[in-house]
Amino acid sequence: MFKFNKKKVEQESLLKARTRALRNAEDEIENLRHLRLQDEHNSTIIIKENSKMHELLRDIADRTVTCPLGSEKIVLNKIKELARDYQSKN
């Protein structure tokens, strides 16, 4: 009789441990889902910012190519103007 009760207690203990481990794993899965969604959101923002910077650099390159030689001041002023425009939009 004593062995039967001891075995039952051991089984209940194992069941509780398994249930706790399962609950912990489910919590970790939910946490990882949340982190993945945050990463996707952040990646979207970074991609948009990267695209804006690419456009700005392309605009700077286009303007510098069309400027005559020896007009470094004009090019520098155009770059500053584009940078100010970019900063005011963000």
PDB file of N, CA and C in Angstrom:
ATOM      1  N   MET A   1       0.827  -1.185   0.000  1.00  0.00           N
ATOM      2  CA  MET A   1       0.000   0.000   0.000  1.00  0.00           C
ATOM      3  C   MET A   1       0.873   1.250   0.000  1.00  0.00           C
ATOM      4  N   PHE A   2       1.928   1.258   0.789  1.00  0.00           N
ATOM      5  CA  PHE A   2       2.819   2.418   0.885  1.00  0.00           C
ATOM      6  C   PHE A   2       3.499   2.681  -0.446  1.00  0.00           C
ATOM      7  N   LYS A   3       3.915   1.616  -1.143  1.00  0.00           N
ATOM      8  CA  LYS A   3       4.570   1.769  -2.433  1.00  0.00           C
ATOM      9  C   LYS A   3       3.615   2.386  -3.456  1.00  0.00           C
ATOM     10  N   PHE A   4       2.362   2.023  -3.407  1.00  0.00           N
ATOM     11  CA  PHE A   4       1.379   2.549  -4.342  1.00  0.00           C
ATOM     12  C   PHE A   4       1.223   4.057  -4.155  1.00  0.00           C
ATOM     13  N   ASN A   5       1.133   4.526  -2.912  1.00  0.00           N
ATOM     14  CA  ASN A   5       0.985   5.950  -2.622  1.00  0.00           C
ATOM     15  C   ASN A   5       2.252   6.716  -3.018  1.00  0.00           C
ATOM     16  N   LYS A   6       3.393   6.098  -2.765  1.00  0.00           N
ATOM     17  CA  LYS A   6       4.652   6.739  -3.107  1.00  0.00           C
ATOM     18  C   LYS A   6       4.760   6.918  -4.620  1.00  0.00           C
ATOM     19  N   LYS A   7       4.341   5.894  -5.364  1.00  0.00           N
ATOM     20  CA  LYS A   7       4.381   5.958  -6.811  1.00  0.00           C
ATOM     21  C   LYS A   7       3.407   7.024  -7.328  1.00  0.00           C
ATOM     22  N   LYS A   8       2.263   7.122  -6.711  1.00  0.00           N
ATOM     23  CA  LYS A   8       1.263   8.110  -7.108  1.00  0.00           C
ATOM     24  C   LYS A   8       1.788   9.526  -6.854  1.00  0.00           C
ATOM     25  N   VAL A   9       2.440   9.731  -5.735  1.00  0.00           N
ATOM     26  CA  VAL A   9       3.012  11.039  -5.403  1.00  0.00           C
ATOM     27  C   VAL A   9       4.103  11.401  -6.406  1.00  0.00           C
ATOM     28  N   GLU A  10       4.923  10.442  -6.768  1.00  0.00           N
ATOM     29  CA  GLU A  10       5.973  10.688  -7.757  1.00  0.00           C
ATOM     30  C   GLU A  10       5.381  11.060  -9.117  1.00  0.00           C
ATOM     31  N   GLN A  11       4.325  10.367  -9.512  1.00  0.00           N
ATOM     32  CA  GLN A  11       3.677  10.667 -10.784  1.00  0.00           C
ATOM     33  C   GLN A  11       3.061  12.067 -10.773  1.00  0.00           C
ATOM     34  N   GLU A  12       2.428  12.425  -9.657  1.00  0.00           N
ATOM     35  CA  GLU A  12       1.847  13.765  -9.557  1.00  0.00           C
ATOM     36  C   GLU A  12       2.933  14.837  -9.595  1.00  0.00           C
ATOM     37  N   SER A  13       4.036  14.550  -8.957  1.00  0.00           N
ATOM     38  CA  SER A  13       5.153  15.491  -8.966  1.00  0.00           C
ATOM     39  C   SER A  13       5.712  15.669 -10.369  1.00  0.00           C
ATOM     40  N   LEU A  14       5.866  14.568 -11.094  1.00  0.00           N
ATOM     41  CA  LEU A  14       6.343  14.639 -12.476  1.00  0.00           C
ATOM     42  C   LEU A  14       5.352  15.395 -13.362  1.00  0.00           C
ATOM     43  N   LEU A  15       4.066  15.174 -13.136  1.00  0.00           N
ATOM     44  CA  LEU A  15       3.041  15.848 -13.905  1.00  0.00           C
ATOM     45  C   LEU A  15       3.072  17.360 -13.645  1.00  0.00           C
ATOM     46  N   LYS A  16       3.240  17.749 -12.397  1.00  0.00           N
ATOM     47  CA  LYS A  16       3.336  19.170 -12.059  1.00  0.00           C
ATOM     48  C   LYS A  16       4.578  19.799 -12.688  1.00  0.00           C
ATOM     49  N   ALA A  17       5.683  19.079 -12.651  1.00  0.00           N
ATOM     50  CA  ALA A  17       6.924  19.593 -13.248  1.00  0.00           C
ATOM     51  C   ALA A  17       6.766  19.745 -14.755  1.00  0.00           C
ATOM     52  N   ARG A  18       6.132  18.793 -15.394  1.00  0.00           N
ATOM     53  CA  ARG A  18       5.904  18.853 -16.844  1.00  0.00           C
ATOM     54  C   ARG A  18       4.982  20.014 -17.192  1.00  0.00           C
ATOM     55  N   THR A  19       3.937  20.194 -16.406  1.00  0.00           N
ATOM     56  CA  THR A  19       2.995  21.291 -16.631  1.00  0.00           C
ATOM     57  C   THR A  19       3.691  22.644 -16.475  1.00  0.00           C
ATOM     58  N   ARG A  20       4.528  22.772 -15.464  1.00  0.00           N
ATOM     59  CA  ARG A  20       5.276  24.008 -15.233  1.00  0.00           C
ATOM     60  C   ARG A  20       6.247  24.281 -16.386  1.00  0.00           C
ATOM     61  N   ALA A  21       6.932  23.247 -16.834  1.00  0.00           N
ATOM     62  CA  ALA A  21       7.871  23.398 -17.948  1.00  0.00           C
ATOM     63  C   ALA A  21       7.131  23.792 -19.229  1.00  0.00           C
ATOM     64  N   LEU A  22       5.975  23.213 -19.444  1.00  0.00           N
ATOM     65  CA  LEU A  22       5.162  23.538 -20.608  1.00  0.00           C
ATOM     66  C   LEU A  22       4.691  24.994 -20.544  1.00  0.00           C
ATOM     67  N   ARG A  23       4.256  25.434 -19.383  1.00  0.00           N
ATOM     68  CA  ARG A  23       3.820  26.821 -19.204  1.00  0.00           C
ATOM     69  C   ARG A  23       4.983  27.786 -19.454  1.00  0.00           C
ATOM     70  N   ASN A  24       6.155  27.449 -18.949  1.00  0.00           N
ATOM     71  CA  ASN A  24       7.335  28.284 -19.176  1.00  0.00           C
ATOM     72  C   ASN A  24       7.698  28.356 -20.667  1.00  0.00           C
ATOM     73  N   ALA A  25       7.589  27.232 -21.348  1.00  0.00           N
ATOM     74  CA  ALA A  25       7.890  27.202 -22.780  1.00  0.00           C
ATOM     75  C   ALA A  25       6.882  28.047 -23.560  1.00  0.00           C
ATOM     76  N   GLU A  26       5.605  27.971 -23.186  1.00  0.00           N
ATOM     77  CA  GLU A  26       4.586  28.782 -23.849  1.00  0.00           C
ATOM     78  C   GLU A  26       4.832  30.270 -23.609  1.00  0.00           C
ATOM     79  N   ASP A  27       5.229  30.641 -22.407  1.00  0.00           N
ATOM     80  CA  ASP A  27       5.559  32.038 -22.111  1.00  0.00           C
ATOM     81  C   ASP A  27       6.740  32.504 -22.951  1.00  0.00           C
ATOM     82  N   GLU A  28       7.737  31.654 -23.084  1.00  0.00           N
ATOM     83  CA  GLU A  28       8.921  32.002 -23.877  1.00  0.00           C
ATOM     84  C   GLU A  28       8.560  32.156 -25.355  1.00  0.00           C
ATOM     85  N   ILE A  29       7.686  31.309 -25.856  1.00  0.00           N
ATOM     86  CA  ILE A  29       7.233  31.408 -27.249  1.00  0.00           C
ATOM     87  C   ILE A  29       6.520  32.734 -27.464  1.00  0.00           C
ATOM     88  N   GLU A  30       5.658  33.112 -26.552  1.00  0.00           N
ATOM     89  CA  GLU A  30       4.933  34.380 -26.664  1.00  0.00           C
ATOM     90  C   GLU A  30       5.902  35.563 -26.630  1.00  0.00           C
ATOM     91  N   ASN A  31       6.886  35.491 -25.763  1.00  0.00           N
ATOM     92  CA  ASN A  31       7.897  36.542 -25.676  1.00  0.00           C
ATOM     93  C   ASN A  31       8.684  36.647 -26.986  1.00  0.00           C
ATOM     94  N   LEU A  32       9.055  35.523 -27.556  1.00  0.00           N
ATOM     95  CA  LEU A  32       9.792  35.517 -28.820  1.00  0.00           C
ATOM     96  C   LEU A  32       8.940  36.054 -29.973  1.00  0.00           C
ATOM     97  N   ARG A  33       7.646  35.753 -29.971  1.00  0.00           N
ATOM     98  CA  ARG A  33       6.741  36.304 -30.991  1.00  0.00           C
ATOM     99  C   ARG A  33       6.712  37.828 -30.909  1.00  0.00           C
ATOM    100  N   HIS A  34       6.608  38.315 -29.682  1.00  0.00           N
ATOM    101  CA  HIS A  34       6.575  39.763 -29.473  1.00  0.00           C
ATOM    102  C   HIS A  34       7.877  40.402 -29.961  1.00  0.00           C
ATOM    103  N   LEU A  35       8.991  39.805 -29.648  1.00  0.00           N
ATOM    104  CA  LEU A  35      10.287  40.332 -30.091  1.00  0.00           C
ATOM    105  C   LEU A  35      10.417  40.305 -31.612  1.00  0.00           C
ATOM    106  N   ARG A  36       9.905  39.266 -32.234  1.00  0.00           N
ATOM    107  CA  ARG A  36       9.961  39.165 -33.698  1.00  0.00           C
ATOM    108  C   ARG A  36       9.136  40.279 -34.342  1.00  0.00           C
ATOM    109  N   LEU A  37       7.961  40.555 -33.779  1.00  0.00           N
ATOM    110  CA  LEU A  37       7.137  41.639 -34.305  1.00  0.00           C
ATOM    111  C   LEU A  37       7.837  42.984 -34.149  1.00  0.00           C
ATOM    112  N   GLN A  38       8.494  43.189 -33.028  1.00  0.00           N
ATOM    113  CA  GLN A  38       9.259  44.419 -32.830  1.00  0.00           C
ATOM    114  C   GLN A  38      10.385  44.527 -33.856  1.00  0.00           C
ATOM    115  N   ASP A  39      11.076  43.436 -34.091  1.00  0.00           N
ATOM    116  CA  ASP A  39      12.168  43.433 -35.073  1.00  0.00           C
ATOM    117  C   ASP A  39      11.654  43.736 -36.477  1.00  0.00           C
ATOM    118  N   GLU A  40      10.503  43.165 -36.840  1.00  0.00           N
ATOM    119  CA  GLU A  40       9.928  43.437 -38.154  1.00  0.00           C
ATOM    120  C   GLU A  40       9.573  44.919 -38.287  1.00  0.00           C
ATOM    121  N   HIS A  41       8.998  45.484 -37.237  1.00  0.00           N
ATOM    122  CA  HIS A  41       8.636  46.900 -37.246  1.00  0.00           C
ATOM    123  C   HIS A  41       9.889  47.769 -37.382  1.00  0.00           C
ATOM    124  N   ASN A  42      10.897  47.471 -36.596  1.00  0.00           N
ATOM    125  CA  ASN A  42      12.146  48.236 -36.649  1.00  0.00           C
ATOM    126  C   ASN A  42      12.821  48.104 -38.007  1.00  0.00           C
ATOM    127  N   SER A  43      12.777  46.922 -38.585  1.00  0.00           N
ATOM    128  CA  SER A  43      13.374  46.708 -39.905  1.00  0.00           C
ATOM    129  C   SER A  43      12.657  47.548 -40.957  1.00  0.00           C
ATOM    130  N   THR A  44      11.339  47.637 -40.859  1.00  0.00           N
ATOM    131  CA  THR A  44      10.570  48.444 -41.796  1.00  0.00           C
ATOM    132  C   THR A  44      10.980  49.912 -41.704  1.00  0.00           C
ATOM    133  N   ILE A  45      11.138  50.400 -40.495  1.00  0.00           N
ATOM    134  CA  ILE A  45      11.554  51.788 -40.288  1.00  0.00           C
ATOM    135  C   ILE A  45      12.944  52.011 -40.870  1.00  0.00           C
ATOM    136  N   ILE A  46      13.858  51.095 -40.614  1.00  0.00           N
ATOM    137  CA  ILE A  46      15.228  51.226 -41.113  1.00  0.00           C
ATOM    138  C   ILE A  46      15.254  51.189 -42.639  1.00  0.00           C
ATOM    139  N   ILE A  47      14.455  50.340 -43.243  1.00  0.00           N
ATOM    140  CA  ILE A  47      14.396  50.256 -44.708  1.00  0.00           C
ATOM    141  C   ILE A  47      13.903  51.583 -45.294  1.00  0.00           C
ATOM    142  N   LYS A  48      12.881  52.169 -44.674  1.00  0.00           N
ATOM    143  CA  LYS A  48      12.363  53.453 -45.154  1.00  0.00           C
ATOM    144  C   LYS A  48      13.423  54.551 -45.017  1.00  0.00           C
ATOM    145  N   GLU A  49      14.102  54.586 -43.875  1.00  0.00           N
ATOM    146  CA  GLU A  49      15.152  55.578 -43.667  1.00  0.00           C
ATOM    147  C   GLU A  49      16.291  55.386 -44.665  1.00  0.00           C
ATOM    148  N   ASN A  50      16.647  54.152 -44.907  1.00  0.00           N
ATOM    149  CA  ASN A  50      17.710  53.841 -45.866  1.00  0.00           C
ATOM    150  C   ASN A  50      17.322  54.318 -47.265  1.00  0.00           C
ATOM    151  N   SER A  51      16.068  54.128 -47.618  1.00  0.00           N
ATOM    152  CA  SER A  51      15.588  54.577 -48.920  1.00  0.00           C
ATOM    153  C   SER A  51      15.664  56.096 -49.035  1.00  0.00           C
ATOM    154  N   LYS A  52      15.277  56.801 -47.982  1.00  0.00           N
ATOM    155  CA  LYS A  52      15.353  58.267 -47.985  1.00  0.00           C
ATOM    156  C   LYS A  52      16.800  58.733 -48.123  1.00  0.00           C
ATOM    157  N   MET A  53      17.701  58.085 -47.409  1.00  0.00           N
ATOM    158  CA  MET A  53      19.114  58.457 -47.484  1.00  0.00           C
ATOM    159  C   MET A  53      19.667  58.178 -48.881  1.00  0.00           C
ATOM    160  N   HIS A  54      19.236  57.076 -49.476  1.00  0.00           N
ATOM    161  CA  HIS A  54      19.671  56.738 -50.823  1.00  0.00           C
ATOM    162  C   HIS A  54      19.222  57.821 -51.813  1.00  0.00           C
ATOM    163  N   GLU A  55      17.979  58.260 -51.684  1.00  0.00           N
ATOM    164  CA  GLU A  55      17.472  59.326 -52.551  1.00  0.00           C
ATOM    165  C   GLU A  55      18.271  60.616 -52.352  1.00  0.00           C
ATOM    166  N   LEU A  56      18.562  60.948 -51.108  1.00  0.00           N
ATOM    167  CA  LEU A  56      19.332  62.155 -50.809  1.00  0.00           C
ATOM    168  C   LEU A  56      20.724  62.082 -51.440  1.00  0.00           C
ATOM    169  N   LEU A  57      21.382  60.948 -51.276  1.00  0.00           N
ATOM    170  CA  LEU A  57      22.717  60.788 -51.859  1.00  0.00           C
ATOM    171  C   LEU A  57      22.673  60.838 -53.386  1.00  0.00           C
ATOM    172  N   ARG A  58      21.645  60.257 -53.969  1.00  0.00           N
ATOM    173  CA  ARG A  58      21.500  60.299 -55.423  1.00  0.00           C
ATOM    174  C   ARG A  58      21.296  61.740 -55.887  1.00  0.00           C
ATOM    175  N   ASP A  59      20.481  62.489 -55.147  1.00  0.00           N
ATOM    176  CA  ASP A  59      20.257  63.888 -55.479  1.00  0.00           C
ATOM    177  C   ASP A  59      21.550  64.699 -55.375  1.00  0.00           C
ATOM    178  N   ILE A  60      22.323  64.451 -54.317  1.00  0.00           N
ATOM    179  CA  ILE A  60      23.609  65.135 -54.157  1.00  0.00           C
ATOM    180  C   ILE A  60      24.544  64.786 -55.314  1.00  0.00           C
ATOM    181  N   ALA A  61      24.607  63.515 -55.650  1.00  0.00           N
ATOM    182  CA  ALA A  61      25.477  63.084 -56.755  1.00  0.00           C
ATOM    183  C   ALA A  61      25.056  63.731 -58.069  1.00  0.00           C
ATOM    184  N   ASP A  62      23.749  63.773 -58.321  1.00  0.00           N
ATOM    185  CA  ASP A  62      23.266  64.393 -59.559  1.00  0.00           C
ATOM    186  C   ASP A  62      23.637  65.872 -59.615  1.00  0.00           C
ATOM    187  N   ARG A  63      23.497  66.553 -58.505  1.00  0.00           N
ATOM    188  CA  ARG A  63      23.791  67.995 -58.488  1.00  0.00           C
ATOM    189  C   ARG A  63      25.290  68.273 -58.596  1.00  0.00           C
ATOM    190  N   THR A  64      26.096  67.421 -58.000  1.00  0.00           N
ATOM    191  CA  THR A  64      27.543  67.659 -58.069  1.00  0.00           C
ATOM    192  C   THR A  64      28.092  67.370 -59.455  1.00  0.00           C
ATOM    193  N   VAL A  65      27.520  66.431 -60.151  1.00  0.00           N
ATOM    194  CA  VAL A  65      27.979  66.094 -61.496  1.00  0.00           C
ATOM    195  C   VAL A  65      27.650  67.229 -62.459  1.00  0.00           C
ATOM    196  N   THR A  66      26.526  67.889 -62.269  1.00  0.00           N
ATOM    197  CA  THR A  66      26.108  68.945 -63.196  1.00  0.00           C
ATOM    198  C   THR A  66      26.778  70.285 -62.924  1.00  0.00           C
ATOM    199  N   CYS A  67      27.455  70.428 -61.774  1.00  0.00           N
ATOM    200  CA  CYS A  67      28.132  71.691 -61.461  1.00  0.00           C
ATOM    201  C   CYS A  67      29.447  71.779 -62.222  1.00  0.00           C
ATOM    202  N   PRO A  68      29.773  72.996 -62.669  1.00  0.00           N
ATOM    203  CA  PRO A  68      31.050  73.166 -63.389  1.00  0.00           C
ATOM    204  C   PRO A  68      32.247  72.982 -62.462  1.00  0.00           C
ATOM    205  N   LEU A  69      33.391  72.700 -63.053  1.00  0.00           N
ATOM    206  CA  LEU A  69      34.619  72.522 -62.277  1.00  0.00           C
ATOM    207  C   LEU A  69      34.979  73.815 -61.552  1.00  0.00           C
ATOM    208  N   GLY A  70      35.566  73.682 -60.384  1.00  0.00           N
ATOM    209  CA  GLY A  70      35.992  74.836 -59.605  1.00  0.00           C
ATOM    210  C   GLY A  70      34.864  75.492 -58.836  1.00  0.00           C
ATOM    211  N   SER A  71      33.722  74.848 -58.754  1.00  0.00           N
ATOM    212  CA  SER A  71      32.599  75.447 -58.028  1.00  0.00           C
ATOM    213  C   SER A  71      32.304  74.662 -56.749  1.00  0.00           C
ATOM    214  N   GLU A  72      33.345  74.404 -55.984  1.00  0.00           N
ATOM    215  CA  GLU A  72      33.195  73.619 -54.762  1.00  0.00           C
ATOM    216  C   GLU A  72      32.237  74.268 -53.771  1.00  0.00           C
ATOM    217  N   LYS A  73      32.278  75.615 -53.716  1.00  0.00           N
ATOM    218  CA  LYS A  73      31.397  76.318 -52.775  1.00  0.00           C
ATOM    219  C   LYS A  73      29.934  76.110 -53.145  1.00  0.00           C
ATOM    220  N   ILE A  74      29.643  76.137 -54.423  1.00  0.00           N
ATOM    221  CA  ILE A  74      28.263  75.922 -54.884  1.00  0.00           C
ATOM    222  C   ILE A  74      27.811  74.513 -54.506  1.00  0.00           C
ATOM    223  N   VAL A  75      28.674  73.537 -54.749  1.00  0.00           N
ATOM    224  CA  VAL A  75      28.358  72.142 -54.426  1.00  0.00           C
ATOM    225  C   VAL A  75      28.146  71.988 -52.923  1.00  0.00           C
ATOM    226  N   LEU A  76      29.038  72.578 -52.125  1.00  0.00           N
ATOM    227  CA  LEU A  76      28.910  72.490 -50.672  1.00  0.00           C
ATOM    228  C   LEU A  76      27.610  73.124 -50.198  1.00  0.00           C
ATOM    229  N   ASN A  77      27.253  74.264 -50.748  1.00  0.00           N
ATOM    230  CA  ASN A  77      25.997  74.917 -50.370  1.00  0.00           C
ATOM    231  C   ASN A  77      24.791  74.066 -50.755  1.00  0.00           C
ATOM    232  N   LYS A  78      24.856  73.431 -51.918  1.00  0.00           N
ATOM    233  CA  LYS A  78      23.759  72.553 -52.338  1.00  0.00           C
ATOM    234  C   LYS A  78      23.628  71.353 -51.398  1.00  0.00           C
ATOM    235  N   ILE A  79      24.765  70.786 -50.995  1.00  0.00           N
ATOM    236  CA  ILE A  79      24.744  69.657 -50.063  1.00  0.00           C
ATOM    237  C   ILE A  79      24.137  70.098 -48.733  1.00  0.00           C
ATOM    238  N   LYS A  80      24.540  71.256 -48.250  1.00  0.00           N
ATOM    239  CA  LYS A  80      23.982  71.771 -46.993  1.00  0.00           C
ATOM    240  C   LYS A  80      22.486  72.003 -47.123  1.00  0.00           C
ATOM    241  N   GLU A  81      22.070  72.542 -48.258  1.00  0.00           N
ATOM    242  CA  GLU A  81      20.647  72.793 -48.493  1.00  0.00           C
ATOM    243  C   GLU A  81      19.860  71.479 -48.488  1.00  0.00           C
ATOM    244  N   LEU A  82      20.379  70.479 -49.174  1.00  0.00           N
ATOM    245  CA  LEU A  82      19.707  69.178 -49.211  1.00  0.00           C
ATOM    246  C   LEU A  82      19.662  68.548 -47.827  1.00  0.00           C
ATOM    247  N   ALA A  83      20.748  68.682 -47.065  1.00  0.00           N
ATOM    248  CA  ALA A  83      20.774  68.114 -45.713  1.00  0.00           C
ATOM    249  C   ALA A  83      19.750  68.813 -44.830  1.00  0.00           C
ATOM    250  N   ARG A  84      19.649  70.145 -44.941  1.00  0.00           N
ATOM    251  CA  ARG A  84      18.650  70.877 -44.143  1.00  0.00           C
ATOM    252  C   ARG A  84      17.237  70.451 -44.531  1.00  0.00           C
ATOM    253  N   ASP A  85      16.991  70.316 -45.823  1.00  0.00           N
ATOM    254  CA  ASP A  85      15.668  69.862 -46.284  1.00  0.00           C
ATOM    255  C   ASP A  85      15.340  68.494 -45.717  1.00  0.00           C
ATOM    256  N   TYR A  86      16.322  67.608 -45.756  1.00  0.00           N
ATOM    257  CA  TYR A  86      16.117  66.245 -45.242  1.00  0.00           C
ATOM    258  C   TYR A  86      15.806  66.273 -43.747  1.00  0.00           C
ATOM    259  N   GLN A  87      16.570  67.091 -43.012  1.00  0.00           N
ATOM    260  CA  GLN A  87      16.365  67.167 -41.560  1.00  0.00           C
ATOM    261  C   GLN A  87      15.012  67.787 -41.225  1.00  0.00           C
ATOM    262  N   SER A  88      14.581  68.757 -42.006  1.00  0.00           N
ATOM    263  CA  SER A  88      13.290  69.397 -41.714  1.00  0.00           C
ATOM    264  C   SER A  88      12.125  68.452 -41.978  1.00  0.00           C
ATOM    265  N   LYS A  89      12.294  67.513 -42.903  1.00  0.00           N
ATOM    266  CA  LYS A  89      11.236  66.546 -43.196  1.00  0.00           C
ATOM    267  C   LYS A  89      11.152  65.454 -42.137  1.00  0.00           C
ATOM    268  N   ASN A  90      12.229  65.249 -41.383  1.00  0.00           N
ATOM    269  CA  ASN A  90      12.246  64.174 -40.396  1.00  0.00           C
ATOM    270  C   ASN A  90      12.211  64.756 -39.053  1.00  0.00           C
TER     271      ASN A  90
END
